[in-house]
Protein backbone atom coordinates (compact mmCIF):
# COMPACT_ATOMS: atom_id res chain seq x y z
CA MET A 1 63.68 92.26 81.45
CA ALA A 2 66.75 94.31 79.95
CA THR A 3 68.28 93.16 76.77
CA ARG A 4 71.71 92.19 77.01
CA HIS A 5 74.34 93.96 74.63
CA THR A 6 77.49 91.64 74.27
CA ARG A 7 79.91 90.98 71.84
CA PRO A 8 80.60 87.05 71.34
CA ALA A 9 84.16 85.92 71.93
CA PRO A 10 86.11 84.55 69.24
CA ARG A 11 86.50 80.72 69.38
CA PRO A 12 89.90 79.29 70.64
CA PRO A 13 92.08 77.43 68.36
CA GLU A 14 91.07 73.70 67.78
CA GLY A 15 92.71 71.52 70.48
CA THR A 16 92.66 73.97 73.06
CA PRO A 17 91.48 72.07 76.28
CA PRO A 18 88.06 72.95 78.03
CA ARG A 19 88.25 75.83 80.30
CA ALA A 20 88.05 73.52 83.45
CA GLU A 21 91.13 71.73 82.23
CA LEU A 22 92.81 74.81 81.81
CA ALA A 23 91.90 75.94 85.19
CA ARG A 24 93.13 72.64 86.57
CA GLN A 25 96.45 73.25 84.93
CA ALA A 26 96.78 76.74 86.40
CA ARG A 27 96.02 75.45 89.90
CA LYS A 28 98.45 72.98 89.71
CA VAL A 29 101.04 75.77 88.55
CA LEU A 30 100.02 77.80 91.45
CA ALA A 31 99.48 75.14 94.07
CA GLU A 32 102.65 76.25 96.32
CA ALA A 33 101.75 79.76 95.86
CA VAL A 34 98.09 79.13 97.18
CA ARG A 35 99.62 77.04 100.06
CA ILE A 36 101.79 79.95 101.08
CA ALA A 37 99.27 82.58 100.46
CA ARG A 38 96.75 80.95 102.76
CA TRP A 39 99.33 80.25 105.62
CA ALA A 40 100.42 83.79 105.37
CA ALA A 41 96.67 85.34 105.54
CA ASP A 42 96.07 83.10 108.41
CA ALA A 43 99.41 83.41 110.25
CA ALA A 44 100.16 87.02 109.80
CA THR A 45 99.60 89.58 112.88
CA PRO A 46 99.49 93.41 112.76
CA GLY A 47 102.92 94.82 113.22
CA SER A 48 104.81 91.97 111.82
CA PRO A 49 105.35 91.80 108.06
CA PRO A 50 104.14 88.35 106.84
CA LEU A 51 107.49 87.22 105.73
CA ALA A 52 109.85 88.73 107.86
CA ALA A 53 112.91 86.55 108.96
CA ARG A 54 110.74 84.88 111.93
CA ALA A 55 107.82 84.37 109.75
CA LEU A 56 109.85 82.94 106.81
CA GLU A 57 111.21 80.08 109.16
CA HIS A 58 107.78 79.40 110.60
CA ALA A 59 106.26 79.03 107.01
CA ALA A 60 108.97 76.85 106.03
CA ALA A 61 108.48 74.55 108.90
CA ALA A 62 104.86 74.51 108.91
CA LEU A 63 104.91 74.20 105.19
CA GLU A 64 107.71 71.57 104.96
CA LEU A 65 109.31 74.00 102.38
CA SER A 66 112.98 75.50 102.07
CA PRO A 67 113.06 79.35 102.70
CA ALA A 68 114.06 79.68 98.91
CA GLN A 69 110.76 77.98 98.12
CA VAL A 70 108.62 80.11 100.51
CA ARG A 71 109.99 83.06 99.00
CA ALA A 72 109.43 82.29 95.55
CA GLY A 73 105.92 80.85 96.21
CA TRP A 74 105.23 84.26 98.02
CA ASP A 75 106.58 86.15 95.26
CA ARG A 76 104.18 84.01 92.99
CA ALA A 77 101.22 84.94 95.13
CA ARG A 78 101.54 88.45 95.28
CA LEU A 79 102.03 88.65 91.58
CA ALA A 80 99.22 86.19 90.97
CA GLY A 81 96.74 88.60 93.12
CA LEU A 82 96.36 85.73 95.73
CA VAL A 83 97.49 87.89 98.74
CA GLU A 84 97.60 91.48 99.15
CA LEU A 85 99.53 93.56 101.63
CA HIS A 86 97.81 96.11 103.73
CA GLY A 87 100.51 97.88 105.71
CA ASP A 88 101.95 95.13 107.76
CA THR A 89 98.93 92.70 107.15
CA ALA A 90 98.78 90.09 104.69
CA ARG A 91 94.95 89.73 103.39
CA PRO A 92 93.61 87.06 101.10
CA GLY A 93 93.16 88.45 97.33
CA TRP A 94 89.51 88.05 96.04
CA ARG A 95 90.98 85.44 93.76
CA LEU A 96 92.38 83.19 96.70
CA ARG A 97 88.92 83.51 98.26
CA ALA A 98 87.63 82.21 95.06
CA TRP A 99 90.11 79.66 94.22
CA ASP A 100 88.49 76.38 94.92
CA ARG A 101 85.14 77.42 93.11
CA ASP A 102 85.85 79.97 90.33
CA ASP A 103 87.75 78.79 87.25
CA SER A 104 87.75 82.26 85.90
CA ALA A 105 89.25 83.65 88.96
CA VAL A 106 92.07 80.76 88.64
CA LEU A 107 92.75 81.78 84.98
CA ARG A 108 93.03 85.32 85.77
CA GLY A 109 95.42 84.70 88.62
CA TRP A 110 97.50 82.71 86.25
CA VAL A 111 97.48 85.29 83.36
CA ALA A 112 98.43 87.89 86.03
CA LEU A 113 101.74 85.55 86.79
CA PHE A 114 102.19 85.04 83.10
CA ASP A 115 102.15 88.72 82.25
CA ALA A 116 104.75 89.16 85.27
CA TRP A 117 107.30 86.42 84.19
CA SER A 118 109.98 88.75 84.12
CA LEU A 119 109.27 90.09 87.78
CA ALA A 120 108.91 86.23 88.90
CA HIS A 121 112.16 85.18 87.18
CA PRO A 122 114.96 88.10 87.70
CA ALA A 123 117.17 88.63 84.73
CA PRO A 124 120.80 87.61 85.38
CA PRO A 125 122.86 90.07 87.24
CA GLY A 126 125.07 92.37 85.15
CA ILE A 127 122.84 92.81 82.02
CA GLU A 128 122.05 96.50 81.11
CA SER A 129 118.34 97.40 81.81
CA THR A 130 117.87 98.50 78.28
CA ALA A 131 118.71 95.03 77.04
CA VAL A 132 116.65 93.35 79.54
CA ALA A 133 113.45 95.58 78.41
CA GLU A 134 114.11 94.74 74.80
CA ALA A 135 114.23 91.17 75.29
CA VAL A 136 110.94 91.27 77.42
CA GLU A 137 109.41 93.70 74.83
CA ALA A 138 110.54 91.19 72.02
CA VAL A 139 109.30 88.01 73.82
CA PRO A 140 105.52 88.12 72.43
CA GLN A 141 106.89 87.43 68.85
CA VAL A 142 108.92 84.53 70.32
CA LEU A 143 105.50 83.21 71.77
CA SER A 144 103.58 83.98 68.68
CA LEU A 145 106.16 81.67 66.75
CA LEU A 146 105.61 79.09 69.43
CA GLN A 147 102.05 79.03 68.92
CA LEU A 148 102.01 79.31 65.17
CA SER A 149 104.33 76.17 65.02
CA ALA A 150 101.73 74.09 66.96
CA GLY A 151 104.60 72.13 68.58
CA PRO A 152 108.12 72.20 69.53
CA VAL A 153 110.42 74.90 67.93
CA THR A 154 114.25 74.50 68.07
CA VAL A 155 116.32 76.87 70.14
CA PRO A 156 118.45 78.08 67.15
CA ALA A 157 115.04 79.30 65.42
CA LEU A 158 114.20 81.22 68.49
CA LEU A 159 117.44 82.60 69.01
CA ASP A 160 117.25 83.83 65.31
CA LEU A 161 114.04 85.57 65.99
CA LEU A 162 114.73 87.06 69.18
CA GLY A 163 117.94 88.63 67.81
CA GLN A 164 116.37 90.08 64.74
CA ARG A 165 113.33 91.76 66.84
CA VAL A 166 115.89 93.17 69.46
CA ALA A 167 117.83 94.46 66.81
CA GLU A 168 114.89 96.00 65.16
CA LEU A 169 113.90 97.39 68.86
CA HIS A 170 117.30 98.90 69.27
CA GLU A 171 117.35 100.66 65.95
CA GLU A 172 113.68 101.69 66.07
CA ARG A 173 113.91 102.88 69.94
CA CYS A 174 113.10 106.53 70.37
CA GLU A 175 114.03 107.19 74.10
CA VAL A 176 111.48 109.66 75.19
CA PRO A 177 112.51 111.25 78.84
CA TYR A 178 110.23 110.18 81.62
CA GLY A 179 111.54 112.60 84.02
CA PRO A 180 113.76 115.69 84.94
CA GLU A 181 117.18 113.88 84.37
CA PRO A 182 118.42 112.95 80.78
CA LEU A 183 118.50 109.36 79.91
CA PRO A 184 121.94 107.63 79.72
CA ALA A 185 123.28 107.36 75.94
CA PRO A 186 122.26 103.92 74.39
CA ALA A 187 124.52 101.06 74.69
CA GLU A 188 126.44 100.22 71.33
CA PRO A 189 124.65 98.18 68.87
CA ALA A 190 127.74 95.73 68.94
CA SER A 191 127.34 95.22 72.64
CA THR A 192 123.47 94.94 72.60
CA HIS A 193 123.28 92.69 69.74
CA ALA A 194 126.13 90.23 70.55
CA PRO A 195 125.14 86.64 69.98
CA GLU A 196 126.29 85.69 73.59
CA LEU A 197 124.10 88.26 74.96
CA VAL A 198 121.00 87.44 73.04
CA ALA A 199 121.51 83.70 73.74
CA LEU A 200 121.58 84.65 77.55
CA LEU A 201 118.53 86.59 77.19
CA LEU A 202 116.82 83.69 75.38
CA ASP A 203 117.67 81.05 78.07
CA TRP A 204 116.47 83.54 80.72
CA ALA A 205 113.10 84.36 79.01
CA LEU A 206 112.52 80.50 78.20
CA GLU A 207 113.53 79.51 81.91
CA GLY A 208 111.16 82.43 83.16
CA LEU A 209 108.01 81.15 80.72
CA ALA A 210 108.85 77.80 81.86
CA ALA A 211 108.73 78.46 85.52
CA VAL A 212 105.26 79.89 85.14
CA GLY A 213 103.83 76.95 83.31
CA ALA A 214 103.56 78.82 79.92
CA LEU A 215 106.17 76.23 78.02
CA THR A 216 108.02 73.35 78.46
CA LEU A 217 111.89 72.87 77.69
CA GLY A 218 113.29 70.02 75.92
CA THR A 219 117.02 69.28 74.57
CA GLY A 220 117.49 72.24 72.25
CA GLN A 221 113.82 73.13 71.94
CA ALA A 222 110.72 74.74 73.37
CA THR A 223 107.05 74.02 73.34
CA LEU A 224 103.86 75.98 74.48
CA THR A 225 101.94 74.28 77.11
CA PRO A 226 98.22 74.06 76.88
CA LEU A 227 98.03 77.04 79.24
CA GLY A 228 100.71 79.13 77.36
CA ASN A 229 99.13 78.23 73.89
CA TRP A 230 95.73 79.67 75.38
CA ALA A 231 97.16 82.72 76.97
CA VAL A 232 99.03 83.67 73.58
CA TRP A 233 95.67 83.30 71.78
CA VAL A 234 94.08 85.41 74.45
CA LYS A 235 96.67 88.14 73.95
CA LEU A 236 96.57 88.02 70.25
CA GLU A 237 92.79 88.49 70.29
CA GLN A 238 92.79 91.15 72.81
CA ILE A 239 90.02 89.41 74.98
CA CYS A 240 90.07 88.72 78.67
CA VAL A 241 88.86 85.82 80.71
CA ALA A 242 85.60 87.51 82.49
CA ALA A 243 82.90 85.93 84.34
CA GLN A 244 79.61 85.30 82.44
CA SER A 245 76.51 86.98 83.49
CA PRO A 246 74.11 84.59 84.92
CA ALA A 247 70.36 84.65 83.97
CA GLY A 248 67.61 85.76 86.28
CA ASN A 249 69.49 88.63 87.99
CA ILE A 250 66.59 89.52 90.33
CA GLU A 251 66.96 86.15 92.25
CA GLN A 252 70.82 86.36 92.47
CA ALA A 253 72.98 87.50 95.41
CA ALA A 254 74.27 90.96 95.30
CA ALA A 255 77.76 89.89 93.76
CA ASP A 256 76.24 87.69 91.02
CA MET A 257 73.46 90.09 90.20
CA LEU A 258 76.44 92.73 89.66
CA LEU A 259 78.48 90.56 87.63
CA GLY A 260 75.29 90.04 85.58
CA CYS A 261 74.98 93.52 84.63
CA ALA A 262 78.62 94.21 84.08
CA ARG A 263 78.27 93.88 80.23
CA LEU A 264 75.09 95.86 80.05
CA THR A 265 74.80 99.31 78.94
CA PRO A 266 73.91 102.26 81.65
CA GLY A 267 70.13 102.44 81.11
CA PRO A 268 69.65 98.70 81.02
CA ALA A 269 71.97 98.20 84.11
CA ARG A 270 69.67 100.73 86.01
CA ALA A 271 66.64 98.91 85.05
CA GLU A 272 68.37 95.56 86.45
CA TYR A 273 69.29 97.40 89.66
CA ARG A 274 65.72 98.62 90.08
CA ALA A 275 64.36 95.31 89.60
CA TRP A 276 66.88 93.50 92.09
CA LEU A 277 66.16 96.28 94.66
CA ALA A 278 62.34 96.23 94.57
CA ALA A 279 62.29 92.64 95.41
CA ARG A 280 64.10 93.30 98.80
CA PRO A 281 63.95 95.42 101.67
CA VAL A 282 65.99 98.42 101.09
CA GLY A 283 67.95 98.21 104.25
CA SER A 284 69.25 94.70 103.93
CA ALA A 285 69.69 95.48 99.77
CA VAL A 286 72.25 98.53 100.73
CA ALA A 287 74.09 96.31 103.25
CA GLU A 288 74.58 93.59 100.93
CA LEU A 289 75.72 95.97 98.41
CA LEU A 290 78.25 97.49 100.75
CA ASP A 291 79.32 94.16 101.63
CA VAL A 292 80.16 93.35 98.17
CA ALA A 293 82.00 96.57 97.76
CA ARG A 294 84.20 95.93 100.62
CA GLY A 295 85.62 92.73 98.72
CA GLU A 296 88.65 92.54 96.43
CA ASP A 297 86.91 92.62 93.32
CA ALA A 298 87.26 96.09 92.05
CA LEU A 299 84.74 95.83 89.29
CA LEU A 300 82.04 94.83 91.94
CA ARG A 301 83.08 97.77 94.15
CA GLY A 302 82.29 100.31 91.41
CA LEU A 303 79.23 98.58 90.51
CA ALA A 304 78.09 98.38 93.91
CA PHE A 305 78.10 101.97 94.09
CA GLU A 306 76.51 102.39 90.79
CA ALA A 307 73.50 100.26 92.06
CA LEU A 308 73.54 102.57 95.31
CA ARG A 309 73.07 105.52 93.12
CA VAL A 310 69.35 103.77 92.19
CA VAL A 311 68.86 103.29 95.77
CA GLY A 312 69.24 107.32 96.30
CA ALA A 313 68.33 108.66 99.55
CA PRO A 314 67.66 105.63 101.67
CA ALA A 315 71.31 104.56 101.30
CA GLU A 316 72.74 107.97 102.25
CA PRO A 317 73.15 107.26 106.04
CA GLU A 318 75.08 103.97 105.11
CA VAL A 319 77.20 105.53 102.38
CA ARG A 320 78.35 108.31 104.68
CA SER A 321 79.21 105.66 107.22
CA VAL A 322 81.80 104.00 105.18
CA VAL A 323 83.83 107.33 104.31
CA THR A 324 86.59 106.41 106.89
CA ASP A 325 87.20 103.05 104.94
CA PRO A 326 90.07 103.73 102.86
CA SER A 327 89.13 101.16 100.15
CA LEU A 328 85.58 102.85 99.94
CA ARG A 329 86.21 106.45 100.76
CA PRO A 330 86.72 107.80 97.14
CA TYR A 331 83.50 105.96 95.85
CA ALA A 332 81.64 107.21 98.98
CA LEU A 333 82.62 110.43 98.63
CA LEU A 334 81.73 110.73 94.76
CA TRP A 335 78.36 109.18 95.64
CA LEU A 336 77.70 111.77 98.34
CA ALA A 337 78.67 114.64 96.02
CA GLU A 338 76.43 113.65 93.57
CA TYR A 339 73.62 113.00 96.16
CA ASP A 340 74.30 116.63 97.28
CA GLY A 341 73.64 117.87 93.77
CA LYS A 342 77.22 118.08 92.19
CA ASP A 343 77.33 117.28 88.33
CA PRO A 344 79.10 113.91 88.05
CA GLU A 345 81.56 115.51 85.87
CA ASP A 346 82.45 117.97 88.68
CA ALA A 347 82.27 115.32 91.61
CA GLN A 348 85.67 114.40 91.13
CA GLU A 349 86.69 117.79 92.87
CA VAL A 350 85.74 116.33 96.37
CA LEU A 351 88.70 114.04 95.94
CA SER A 352 92.23 114.75 97.19
CA ARG A 353 94.89 114.01 94.92
CA GLU A 354 96.00 111.00 96.54
CA GLU A 355 92.20 109.80 96.66
CA ALA A 356 91.77 110.34 92.93
CA THR A 357 95.21 108.27 92.46
CA TRP A 358 93.82 105.42 94.53
CA LEU A 359 90.61 105.33 92.59
CA TRP A 360 92.47 105.43 89.29
CA VAL A 361 94.52 102.29 90.37
CA ASP A 362 91.37 100.54 91.66
CA THR A 363 89.72 101.13 88.30
CA ALA A 364 92.30 100.20 86.49
CA ALA A 365 92.50 96.78 88.43
CA ALA A 366 88.83 96.26 87.45
CA VAL A 367 89.78 96.97 83.72
CA ALA A 368 92.72 94.66 83.96
CA ASP A 369 90.74 91.76 85.47
CA HIS A 370 87.06 92.33 83.33
CA GLY A 371 88.09 94.40 80.38
CA GLU A 372 89.88 94.26 77.29
CA THR A 373 93.39 95.60 76.94
CA GLY A 374 92.50 98.89 74.75
CA LEU A 375 90.38 100.00 77.67
CA LEU A 376 93.37 99.73 79.93
CA VAL A 377 95.59 101.81 77.64
CA ARG A 378 92.56 104.61 77.28
CA HIS A 379 92.46 104.54 80.97
CA LEU A 380 95.67 106.55 81.23
CA ASP A 381 93.85 109.28 79.93
CA SER A 382 91.55 109.70 82.89
CA ALA A 383 94.60 110.10 85.42
CA VAL A 384 94.40 113.50 87.11
CA GLN A 385 98.38 113.93 86.97
CA GLY A 386 98.44 114.95 83.12
CA THR A 387 101.85 113.15 82.55
CA VAL A 388 102.99 109.55 82.85
CA PRO A 389 105.91 110.37 84.88
CA ALA A 390 103.77 112.41 87.61
CA LEU A 391 101.09 109.44 87.37
CA LEU A 392 103.93 106.91 87.91
CA ASP A 393 105.35 108.67 91.05
CA GLU A 394 101.99 108.95 92.59
CA VAL A 395 100.87 105.50 91.98
CA ARG A 396 104.07 104.14 93.35
CA ALA A 397 103.29 106.19 96.57
CA VAL A 398 99.49 105.73 97.03
CA GLY A 399 100.02 102.21 98.39
CA HIS A 400 97.15 100.23 96.46
CA PRO A 401 97.43 96.67 96.83
CA ARG A 402 97.16 96.03 93.23
CA THR A 403 99.83 98.44 92.13
CA VAL A 404 102.37 95.86 90.78
CA GLN A 405 99.55 93.85 88.83
CA VAL A 406 98.10 97.19 87.32
CA LEU A 407 101.37 98.56 86.03
CA VAL A 408 102.48 95.04 84.41
CA ALA A 409 99.17 94.57 82.99
CA LEU A 410 99.54 98.25 81.42
CA ALA A 411 102.90 97.69 80.40
CA ALA A 412 101.91 94.44 78.63
CA ALA A 413 99.28 96.12 76.56
CA HIS A 414 100.54 99.48 75.76
CA PRO A 415 101.70 100.14 72.29
CA ASP A 416 104.38 102.53 72.97
CA PRO A 417 107.78 100.60 73.70
CA ALA A 418 109.38 103.57 75.61
CA LEU A 419 106.19 104.25 77.71
CA ALA A 420 105.74 100.42 78.19
CA LYS A 421 109.32 100.44 79.42
CA ALA A 422 108.82 103.11 81.98
CA VAL A 423 105.74 101.38 83.30
CA ARG A 424 107.36 98.10 83.45
CA LYS A 425 110.34 99.75 85.44
CA ALA A 426 107.81 101.32 87.80
CA ALA A 427 106.06 97.89 88.51
CA PHE A 428 109.61 96.35 89.22
CA GLN A 429 110.34 99.07 91.67
CA VAL A 430 107.05 98.89 93.45
CA HIS A 431 107.50 95.03 93.48
CA THR A 432 111.10 95.21 95.11
CA GLY A 433 110.47 98.18 97.17
CA GLY A 434 113.08 100.16 95.28
CA SER A 435 112.72 103.69 93.94
């Protein structure tokens, strides 16, 4: 049996609730979004957008909610990965499928919503986008203070910290053009740092974070919830909530076996795949791996095709048959190219630009769900576009259902404020359907 190579996760702060309790709290925060996601996935019909005017009325009546509540819940469901749009059809995301049985899926969904709080709770109208971006960038420091205080923090203290951090960002910012048009001149410091504006931005941020269940607001003070405290710890330690590999991979179903191999190095992983395949008829094993690949978890999709590489020639007809499936096409084309003798480094040439971009987003989704933040930042280097502006333009156009979540996660992880701002703007544009 192969030896596992894993790094033990740091222990959470003392007093952190058990994982099951955190998941229970996350389910409570997203309960309405789950109801709406399930309704939309069941009720949507091809050719009719899931929340068009008529569908919105039907959802409100069926779920006994107001139209505003339905829209807000639908927004959260998309941001949390509970539902995905494929053209005019809504499909359950992999997190929704696993919602009742997998605490990790629940916590990942809530973290995705936490990362996207500024999209779930849009900024007040009339505020310059630069000021909003600086406030979003400064919020991690506010959250860190709340966690270090281990209790309520007064609004004046948070206001002072936010004002200082926004002023630092404004002074240190080095705007880098991300397109052919020059950026507008920065706002005057006096306007950006006006106490009234900073106070308005703090109120917006605190309300947004409270709306996603990260903190509670009292009279003149704010306190992290257990979920918020845990999420800040996760971000500070730069670890992710990932499914732990079960023992005895040879006896597991394909999905569990693949998860069990996720943290292995390539050699031991191939040994696990061979052992699992040897215990099954090759035809049923290939069918089971492809069935997993059709699911919503991008990590499992990539791992399934890694296992199919071990199968070799017996898998070729089945792999060739899924080339017409948009979500599997890039993986299948690469598999077939390598099967036909192409060097893995040259196999990417068989993909069109659009297919390569779709694969980049799908791989980024796997990293965002199961990897460390540094891996997501480094994943930028693998994009075929060569520049961030070109990548963002083509990512927006490719239509991958996880685009918004990938961009939000990348913006949250990237250390370059200017680049993070551009990525966050692209996420907002995709989320709102803008350009």
